[in-house]
């Protein structure tokens, strides 16, 4: 199911269509109730990128332990 999600960044509104899981993830890192500035947007992106990188590294370590057939 698609949800509309509106962010106000630098006094401009941006509305996007996202699924429920992505909506929860985005709203966990970005407040939709206030105007955000570029600094807050960049900080949220860096937090998500660091989390993704950690998960990717963990997955690679796990797959390295699985024997090749």
C-alpha atoms as a PDB file:
ATOM      1  CA  UNK A   1       0.000   0.000   0.000  1.00  0.00           C
ATOM      2  CA  UNK A   2       1.330   3.431  -0.956  1.00  0.00           C
ATOM      3  CA  UNK A   3       1.316   6.326   1.509  1.00  0.00           C
ATOM      4  CA  UNK A   4       1.868  10.002   0.787  1.00  0.00           C
ATOM      5  CA  UNK A   5       4.541  11.537   2.949  1.00  0.00           C
ATOM      6  CA  UNK A   6       5.282  15.263   2.968  1.00  0.00           C
ATOM      7  CA  UNK A   7       8.511  16.820   4.162  1.00  0.00           C
ATOM      8  CA  UNK A   8       9.104  20.542   4.507  1.00  0.00           C
ATOM      9  CA  UNK A   9      12.728  21.244   3.659  1.00  0.00           C
ATOM     10  CA  UNK A  10      14.083  24.790   3.498  1.00  0.00           C
ATOM     11  CA  UNK A  11      10.501  26.104   3.482  1.00  0.00           C
ATOM     12  CA  UNK A  12       9.472  24.004   0.486  1.00  0.00           C
ATOM     13  CA  UNK A  13       7.076  21.040   0.609  1.00  0.00           C
ATOM     14  CA  UNK A  14       8.069  17.730  -0.970  1.00  0.00           C
ATOM     15  CA  UNK A  15       5.467  14.969  -1.159  1.00  0.00           C
ATOM     16  CA  UNK A  16       6.482  11.430  -2.058  1.00  0.00           C
ATOM     17  CA  UNK A  17       4.683   8.099  -2.308  1.00  0.00           C
ATOM     18  CA  UNK A  18       6.231   5.373  -0.162  1.00  0.00           C
ATOM     19  CA  UNK A  19       5.235   1.982   1.195  1.00  0.00           C
ATOM     20  CA  UNK A  20       4.483   1.557   4.894  1.00  0.00           C
ATOM     21  CA  UNK A  21       7.892   0.130   5.815  1.00  0.00           C
ATOM     22  CA  UNK A  22       9.789   2.962   4.183  1.00  0.00           C
ATOM     23  CA  UNK A  23       7.432   5.515   5.722  1.00  0.00           C
ATOM     24  CA  UNK A  24       8.240   4.209   9.203  1.00  0.00           C
ATOM     25  CA  UNK A  25      11.974   4.279   8.470  1.00  0.00           C
ATOM     26  CA  UNK A  26      11.924   7.815   7.081  1.00  0.00           C
ATOM     27  CA  UNK A  27       9.788   9.268   9.859  1.00  0.00           C
ATOM     28  CA  UNK A  28      12.065   7.638  12.430  1.00  0.00           C
ATOM     29  CA  UNK A  29      14.913   9.774  11.091  1.00  0.00           C
ATOM     30  CA  UNK A  30      13.108  12.893   9.844  1.00  0.00           C
ATOM     31  CA  UNK A  31      10.379  14.937  11.531  1.00  0.00           C
ATOM     32  CA  UNK A  32       7.416  15.587   9.230  1.00  0.00           C
ATOM     33  CA  UNK A  33       5.844  18.088  11.608  1.00  0.00           C
ATOM     34  CA  UNK A  34       8.429  20.850  11.231  1.00  0.00           C
ATOM     35  CA  UNK A  35      10.497  22.597   8.613  1.00  0.00           C
ATOM     36  CA  UNK A  36      13.829  20.848   8.149  1.00  0.00           C
ATOM     37  CA  UNK A  37      17.006  22.445   6.935  1.00  0.00           C
ATOM     38  CA  UNK A  38      19.645  20.903   4.708  1.00  0.00           C
ATOM     39  CA  UNK A  39      21.861  20.121   7.705  1.00  0.00           C
ATOM     40  CA  UNK A  40      19.158  17.947   9.321  1.00  0.00           C
ATOM     41  CA  UNK A  41      18.508  16.171   6.020  1.00  0.00           C
ATOM     42  CA  UNK A  42      22.208  15.448   5.547  1.00  0.00           C
ATOM     43  CA  UNK A  43      22.549  14.187   9.129  1.00  0.00           C
ATOM     44  CA  UNK A  44      19.625  11.779   8.623  1.00  0.00           C
ATOM     45  CA  UNK A  45      21.168  10.530   5.377  1.00  0.00           C
ATOM     46  CA  UNK A  46      24.522   9.928   7.081  1.00  0.00           C
ATOM     47  CA  UNK A  47      22.854   8.041   9.950  1.00  0.00           C
ATOM     48  CA  UNK A  48      21.040   5.765   7.476  1.00  0.00           C
ATOM     49  CA  UNK A  49      24.186   5.285   5.381  1.00  0.00           C
ATOM     50  CA  UNK A  50      26.163   4.273   8.485  1.00  0.00           C
ATOM     51  CA  UNK A  51      23.427   1.850   9.529  1.00  0.00           C
ATOM     52  CA  UNK A  52      23.286   0.357   6.030  1.00  0.00           C
ATOM     53  CA  UNK A  53      27.076   0.022   5.897  1.00  0.00           C
ATOM     54  CA  UNK A  54      27.104  -1.794   9.245  1.00  0.00           C
ATOM     55  CA  UNK A  55      24.384  -4.197   8.132  1.00  0.00           C
ATOM     56  CA  UNK A  56      26.187  -4.802   4.850  1.00  0.00           C
ATOM     57  CA  UNK A  57      29.436  -5.564   6.690  1.00  0.00           C
ATOM     58  CA  UNK A  58      27.609  -7.960   9.052  1.00  0.00           C
ATOM     59  CA  UNK A  59      25.973  -9.741   6.114  1.00  0.00           C
ATOM     60  CA  UNK A  60      29.318 -10.113   4.350  1.00  0.00           C
ATOM     61  CA  UNK A  61      30.847 -11.627   7.494  1.00  0.00           C
ATOM     62  CA  UNK A  62      27.976 -14.100   7.759  1.00  0.00           C
ATOM     63  CA  UNK A  63      28.157 -15.102   4.087  1.00  0.00           C
ATOM     64  CA  UNK A  64      31.924 -15.588   4.392  1.00  0.00           C
ATOM     65  CA  UNK A  65      31.265 -18.196   7.101  1.00  0.00           C
ATOM     66  CA  UNK A  66      28.869 -20.176   4.894  1.00  0.00           C
ATOM     67  CA  UNK A  67      30.769 -22.904   3.070  1.00  0.00           C
ATOM     68  CA  UNK A  68      30.819 -22.749  -0.725  1.00  0.00           C
ATOM     69  CA  UNK A  69      29.088 -25.641  -2.450  1.00  0.00           C
END
